[in-house]
Protein backbone atom coordinates (compact mmCIF):
# COMPACT_ATOMS: atom_id res chain seq x y z
CA MET A 1 -7.58 -56.39 85.27
CA SER A 2 -7.88 -53.27 83.16
CA PHE A 3 -5.78 -50.18 83.62
CA GLY A 4 -8.87 -48.23 84.78
CA LYS A 5 -9.64 -50.78 87.50
CA VAL A 6 -6.02 -50.70 88.71
CA MET A 7 -6.12 -46.90 88.87
CA ARG A 8 -9.44 -46.92 90.77
CA SER A 9 -8.03 -49.48 93.22
CA LEU A 10 -4.92 -47.37 93.75
CA LEU A 11 -7.05 -44.26 94.24
CA CYS A 12 -9.22 -46.06 96.81
CA LEU A 13 -6.15 -47.35 98.63
CA THR A 14 -4.66 -43.85 98.69
CA CYS A 15 -7.91 -42.42 100.13
CA VAL A 16 -8.07 -45.12 102.82
CA MET A 17 -4.44 -44.46 103.79
CA ALA A 18 -5.02 -40.69 103.93
CA LEU A 19 -8.12 -41.11 106.11
CA SER A 20 -6.25 -43.51 108.39
CA THR A 21 -3.37 -41.05 108.80
CA ALA A 22 -5.79 -38.20 109.52
CA ALA A 23 -7.62 -40.35 112.08
CA ARG A 24 -4.34 -41.19 113.84
CA ALA A 25 -3.40 -37.49 113.94
CA GLU A 26 -6.80 -36.59 115.44
CA GLU A 27 -6.51 -39.45 117.94
CA ALA A 28 -3.05 -38.23 119.01
CA LYS A 29 -4.37 -34.68 119.39
CA ALA A 30 -7.19 -35.99 121.59
CA LYS A 31 -4.66 -37.11 124.23
CA ASP A 32 -3.60 -34.65 126.93
CA ILE A 33 0.02 -33.70 127.54
CA VAL A 34 0.68 -36.51 130.05
CA ASP A 35 -0.86 -39.25 127.89
CA THR A 36 0.93 -37.93 124.80
CA ALA A 37 4.29 -37.96 126.59
CA VAL A 38 3.74 -41.43 128.03
CA ALA A 39 2.73 -42.79 124.61
CA ALA A 40 5.92 -41.40 123.06
CA GLY A 41 7.98 -43.81 125.19
CA GLN A 42 10.98 -41.51 125.65
CA PHE A 43 9.72 -39.70 128.74
CA LYS A 44 9.60 -42.47 131.38
CA THR A 45 11.72 -40.49 133.85
CA LEU A 46 9.63 -37.35 133.32
CA ALA A 47 6.43 -39.34 133.87
CA ALA A 48 7.82 -40.83 137.10
CA ALA A 49 8.89 -37.37 138.26
CA LEU A 50 5.47 -35.87 137.49
CA LYS A 51 3.85 -38.65 139.51
CA ALA A 52 6.25 -38.19 142.46
CA ALA A 53 5.63 -34.43 142.39
CA GLY A 54 1.84 -34.83 142.27
CA LEU A 55 1.63 -32.91 138.98
CA VAL A 56 0.01 -35.53 136.74
CA GLU A 57 -3.56 -34.28 137.31
CA THR A 58 -2.46 -30.67 136.80
CA LEU A 59 -0.99 -31.46 133.37
CA LYS A 60 -4.08 -33.48 132.51
CA GLY A 61 -6.13 -30.33 133.21
CA ALA A 62 -7.64 -27.91 130.72
CA GLY A 63 -4.48 -25.88 130.11
CA PRO A 64 -3.38 -24.67 127.73
CA PHE A 65 0.22 -25.57 128.57
CA THR A 66 3.52 -25.59 126.78
CA VAL A 67 5.85 -28.24 128.17
CA PHE A 68 9.55 -28.29 127.42
CA ALA A 69 9.94 -32.03 127.98
CA PRO A 70 13.36 -33.51 128.73
CA THR A 71 13.87 -37.02 127.38
CA ASP A 72 15.11 -39.96 129.42
CA GLU A 73 18.54 -39.28 127.89
CA ALA A 74 18.39 -35.70 129.18
CA PHE A 75 17.71 -36.94 132.72
CA ALA A 76 20.56 -39.47 132.33
CA LYS A 77 22.98 -36.55 131.77
CA LEU A 78 22.37 -35.34 135.35
CA PRO A 79 24.99 -36.31 137.94
CA ALA A 80 24.64 -39.86 139.25
CA GLY A 81 21.96 -40.19 141.93
CA THR A 82 20.29 -36.84 141.17
CA VAL A 83 17.05 -38.29 139.80
CA GLU A 84 16.77 -40.91 142.54
CA ASN A 85 17.34 -38.19 145.16
CA LEU A 86 14.75 -35.86 143.63
CA LEU A 87 12.13 -38.63 143.57
CA LYS A 88 12.31 -39.06 147.37
CA PRO A 89 9.25 -37.71 149.22
CA GLU A 90 11.37 -35.33 151.29
CA ASN A 91 12.53 -33.60 148.08
CA LYS A 92 9.06 -33.14 146.59
CA GLU A 93 9.18 -29.31 146.88
CA LYS A 94 12.46 -29.14 144.95
CA LEU A 95 11.15 -31.58 142.33
CA VAL A 96 7.97 -29.51 141.87
CA ALA A 97 10.09 -26.35 141.42
CA ILE A 98 12.20 -28.05 138.73
CA LEU A 99 9.26 -29.59 136.86
CA THR A 100 7.12 -26.43 136.91
CA TYR A 101 10.11 -24.58 135.45
CA HIS A 102 9.54 -26.70 132.31
CA VAL A 103 5.90 -25.57 131.93
CA VAL A 104 4.55 -22.32 130.48
CA PRO A 105 0.86 -21.65 131.28
CA ALA A 106 -0.07 -20.92 127.66
CA LYS A 107 0.17 -22.66 124.30
CA ALA A 108 3.30 -21.56 122.46
CA THR A 109 4.06 -23.29 119.18
CA SER A 110 7.56 -23.26 117.72
CA LYS A 111 6.57 -20.26 115.61
CA ASP A 112 5.55 -18.40 118.80
CA VAL A 113 8.66 -19.49 120.72
CA ALA A 114 10.95 -18.41 117.89
CA GLY A 115 9.70 -14.85 118.34
CA MET A 116 10.10 -14.76 122.12
CA SER A 117 13.16 -13.94 124.24
CA THR A 118 11.67 -15.11 127.54
CA ALA A 119 8.68 -17.06 128.81
CA LYS A 120 7.29 -17.01 132.33
CA THR A 121 6.93 -20.51 133.75
CA VAL A 122 4.37 -21.99 136.13
CA ASN A 123 6.91 -21.72 138.97
CA GLY A 124 7.13 -17.95 138.38
CA LYS A 125 10.64 -17.82 136.94
CA GLU A 126 11.48 -16.94 133.35
CA LEU A 127 13.05 -19.16 130.73
CA LYS A 128 15.49 -17.57 128.31
CA LEU A 129 14.60 -18.38 124.71
CA LYS A 130 16.79 -17.93 121.66
CA ALA A 131 16.25 -18.95 118.05
CA GLU A 132 19.17 -18.84 115.64
CA ASP A 133 20.80 -20.94 112.95
CA GLY A 134 17.66 -23.04 112.64
CA LYS A 135 17.53 -24.20 116.25
CA VAL A 136 15.76 -23.04 119.38
CA MET A 137 17.48 -22.85 122.74
CA VAL A 138 15.59 -22.86 126.04
CA ASP A 139 18.09 -21.78 128.69
CA ASN A 140 20.91 -24.28 128.04
CA ALA A 141 18.73 -26.91 126.34
CA THR A 142 18.13 -27.42 122.63
CA VAL A 143 14.66 -28.17 121.28
CA THR A 144 15.14 -31.42 119.37
CA LYS A 145 11.50 -31.86 118.29
CA ALA A 146 8.82 -29.19 118.35
CA ASP A 147 5.07 -28.88 118.19
CA ILE A 148 3.85 -32.23 119.48
CA GLU A 149 0.16 -31.41 119.74
CA ALA A 150 -1.95 -32.47 122.71
CA SER A 151 -5.55 -31.72 123.61
CA ASN A 152 -4.48 -29.23 126.29
CA GLY A 153 -1.34 -27.72 124.79
CA VAL A 154 1.90 -28.51 123.07
CA ILE A 155 5.13 -30.36 123.89
CA HIS A 156 8.61 -29.38 122.73
CA VAL A 157 11.23 -32.07 123.32
CA ILE A 158 14.51 -30.84 124.85
CA ASP A 159 17.90 -32.50 125.32
CA THR A 160 18.74 -31.16 128.80
CA VAL A 161 16.86 -30.89 132.10
CA LEU A 162 16.26 -27.23 132.92
CA MET A 163 17.24 -26.05 136.39
CA PRO A 164 15.59 -22.94 137.86
């Protein structure tokens, strides 16, 4: 095979890979916040809590939303029995208050958040935001991954469950 044919083959392969990556990015962006979080695999507890609180359809809505999403590890840091207790039907109101404290009814990328000192949440209370030394704090949680795009907003992964 000549050098020219090898180069054309490599160029074609590069184009196919670039198109495939772009298609995956568009496909990911087409998912709403709930589907994006579920697909990530690290938000099983959050997904269960959203279902127990009756908030799944809300977060599948038009938005835009910004969700500060605690990982399963963040929920595991809560005192033993807390999650199980919150998931009980009789504690639905408290669970809704906690979960809606993680949601801002607007799209705020990391660039936006870095310039804010507070953000009003869906439950009506304000989150304290602080950006310094290359990290963003939301109340007492640290954003560990930012700007996960969804069709109806953006997710920022946090390492601690926020309590209103």
